[in-house]
Structures are given as C-alpha cells and as structure tokens.
Amino acid sequence: MRPLQASSDVPLLPEDLDTLQRVFDRLCNEHRWPRDSAFAQRYGRMLIEAYQAGTTNELHLLMAGRSFVRSREARRTV
C-alpha cells in the first residue's frame, strides 16, 4: 500500500484535522475497523481528498464515507 500523501498543496489546519479525525473515528467505530487497518487507511485517504476538494461539512463527509463503504462492499459481492 502506498503511504498517505496529500493530493493537494492546501495545508490542513488543526481545526481541519479535528474535523477529519471526528468523522474518521465515527466511521471506524460504526464498522468496527481497527484505525490502522488497510480499509480504514483507504477511507482516511478518501476523506482527506474530499476535504481538500471542498467537502468540509462533517455530516457531508460522513455521508461521503458511508457511500464509499457501500460502494466498496458492493464491489466485493459482485
């Protein structure tokens, strides 16, 4: 797996990181993922990319994360 890298030159401020951490933790808890699991890391990468692309609302990020999970689960069952 490739290391986590920012896909944007936009710096993340401490309050941005707090928001991302809350959303990340919530989805990991909902799905009982270890925070250091490969899937959680993929979700974290997607979350950072969505945030840097302009989705900064916590609810919208959580919804995007849930959609990401559903799409990944659907691919596994096909």
C-alpha atoms as a PDB file:
ATOM      1  CA  MET A   1       0.000   0.000   0.000  1.00  0.00           C
ATOM      2  CA  ARG A   2       1.283   3.443  -0.841  1.00  0.00           C
ATOM      3  CA  PRO A   3       1.930   5.860   2.033  1.00  0.00           C
ATOM      4  CA  LEU A   4      -0.645   8.540   2.741  1.00  0.00           C
ATOM      5  CA  GLN A   5       0.132  11.656   0.763  1.00  0.00           C
ATOM      6  CA  ALA A   6      -1.778  14.863   0.367  1.00  0.00           C
ATOM      7  CA  SER A   7      -3.237  15.237  -3.106  1.00  0.00           C
ATOM      8  CA  SER A   8      -3.320  18.998  -2.752  1.00  0.00           C
ATOM      9  CA  ASP A   9      -0.994  21.762  -1.699  1.00  0.00           C
ATOM     10  CA  VAL A  10      -3.734  23.147   0.562  1.00  0.00           C
ATOM     11  CA  PRO A  11      -2.490  22.888   4.154  1.00  0.00           C
ATOM     12  CA  LEU A  12      -4.743  21.344   6.767  1.00  0.00           C
ATOM     13  CA  LEU A  13      -5.132  23.470   9.882  1.00  0.00           C
ATOM     14  CA  PRO A  14      -5.564  21.984  13.378  1.00  0.00           C
ATOM     15  CA  GLU A  15      -9.335  22.543  13.240  1.00  0.00           C
ATOM     16  CA  ASP A  16      -9.447  20.788   9.846  1.00  0.00           C
ATOM     17  CA  LEU A  17      -7.604  17.818  11.335  1.00  0.00           C
ATOM     18  CA  ASP A  18     -10.027  17.772  14.285  1.00  0.00           C
ATOM     19  CA  THR A  19     -12.979  17.586  11.887  1.00  0.00           C
ATOM     20  CA  LEU A  20     -11.380  14.845   9.830  1.00  0.00           C
ATOM     21  CA  GLN A  21     -10.475  12.871  12.956  1.00  0.00           C
ATOM     22  CA  ARG A  22     -14.036  13.004  14.313  1.00  0.00           C
ATOM     23  CA  VAL A  23     -15.507  11.743  11.042  1.00  0.00           C
ATOM     24  CA  PHE A  24     -12.811   9.085  10.635  1.00  0.00           C
ATOM     25  CA  ASP A  25     -13.283   7.823  14.195  1.00  0.00           C
ATOM     26  CA  ARG A  26     -17.058   7.705  13.834  1.00  0.00           C
ATOM     27  CA  LEU A  27     -16.974   5.604  10.683  1.00  0.00           C
ATOM     28  CA  CYS A  28     -14.294   3.308  12.093  1.00  0.00           C
ATOM     29  CA  ASN A  29     -16.459   2.794  15.189  1.00  0.00           C
ATOM     30  CA  GLU A  30     -19.612   2.183  13.135  1.00  0.00           C
ATOM     31  CA  HIS A  31     -17.873  -0.549  11.147  1.00  0.00           C
ATOM     32  CA  ARG A  32     -15.611  -1.784  13.949  1.00  0.00           C
ATOM     33  CA  TRP A  33     -12.493  -1.240  11.866  1.00  0.00           C
ATOM     34  CA  PRO A  34      -9.149  -1.006  13.596  1.00  0.00           C
ATOM     35  CA  ARG A  35      -7.919   2.507  12.865  1.00  0.00           C
ATOM     36  CA  ASP A  36      -4.673   1.104  11.449  1.00  0.00           C
ATOM     37  CA  SER A  37      -6.387  -1.381   9.091  1.00  0.00           C
ATOM     38  CA  ALA A  38      -5.866  -1.141   5.339  1.00  0.00           C
ATOM     39  CA  PHE A  39      -9.528  -0.317   4.762  1.00  0.00           C
ATOM     40  CA  ALA A  40      -9.514   2.450   7.379  1.00  0.00           C
ATOM     41  CA  GLN A  41      -6.408   3.909   5.750  1.00  0.00           C
ATOM     42  CA  ARG A  42      -8.107   3.904   2.340  1.00  0.00           C
ATOM     43  CA  TYR A  43     -11.102   5.626   3.889  1.00  0.00           C
ATOM     44  CA  GLY A  44      -8.835   8.173   5.575  1.00  0.00           C
ATOM     45  CA  ARG A  45      -7.180   8.945   2.258  1.00  0.00           C
ATOM     46  CA  MET A  46     -10.583   9.413   0.586  1.00  0.00           C
ATOM     47  CA  LEU A  47     -11.714  11.608   3.464  1.00  0.00           C
ATOM     48  CA  ILE A  48      -8.698  13.908   3.175  1.00  0.00           C
ATOM     49  CA  GLU A  49      -9.144  14.172  -0.582  1.00  0.00           C
ATOM     50  CA  ALA A  50     -12.838  15.029  -0.212  1.00  0.00           C
ATOM     51  CA  TYR A  51     -11.996  17.652   2.416  1.00  0.00           C
ATOM     52  CA  GLN A  52      -9.328  19.260   0.254  1.00  0.00           C
ATOM     53  CA  ALA A  53     -11.752  19.263  -2.677  1.00  0.00           C
ATOM     54  CA  GLY A  54     -14.150  21.390  -0.635  1.00  0.00           C
ATOM     55  CA  THR A  55     -16.376  18.998   1.336  1.00  0.00           C
ATOM     56  CA  THR A  56     -15.710  20.400   4.808  1.00  0.00           C
ATOM     57  CA  ASN A  57     -19.083  19.824   6.487  1.00  0.00           C
ATOM     58  CA  GLU A  58     -18.863  16.920   8.965  1.00  0.00           C
ATOM     59  CA  LEU A  59     -22.251  15.480   8.013  1.00  0.00           C
ATOM     60  CA  HIS A  60     -21.408  15.618   4.313  1.00  0.00           C
ATOM     61  CA  LEU A  61     -18.056  13.960   4.959  1.00  0.00           C
ATOM     62  CA  LEU A  62     -19.745  11.212   6.957  1.00  0.00           C
ATOM     63  CA  MET A  63     -22.288  10.688   4.182  1.00  0.00           C
ATOM     64  CA  ALA A  64     -19.471  10.514   1.624  1.00  0.00           C
ATOM     65  CA  GLY A  65     -17.688   7.993   3.823  1.00  0.00           C
ATOM     66  CA  ARG A  66     -20.759   5.812   4.143  1.00  0.00           C
ATOM     67  CA  SER A  67     -21.241   5.950   0.376  1.00  0.00           C
ATOM     68  CA  PHE A  68     -17.595   4.972  -0.077  1.00  0.00           C
ATOM     69  CA  VAL A  69     -18.105   1.982   2.218  1.00  0.00           C
ATOM     70  CA  ARG A  70     -21.272   0.871   0.406  1.00  0.00           C
ATOM     71  CA  SER A  71     -19.566   1.082  -2.992  1.00  0.00           C
ATOM     72  CA  ARG A  72     -16.593  -0.927  -1.722  1.00  0.00           C
ATOM     73  CA  GLU A  73     -18.887  -3.573  -0.212  1.00  0.00           C
ATOM     74  CA  ALA A  74     -20.915  -3.782  -3.437  1.00  0.00           C
ATOM     75  CA  ARG A  75     -17.728  -4.424  -5.437  1.00  0.00           C
ATOM     76  CA  ARG A  76     -16.772  -7.258  -3.106  1.00  0.00           C
ATOM     77  CA  THR A  77     -20.117  -9.012  -3.560  1.00  0.00           C
ATOM     78  CA  VAL A  78     -20.054  -8.874  -7.365  1.00  0.00           C
END
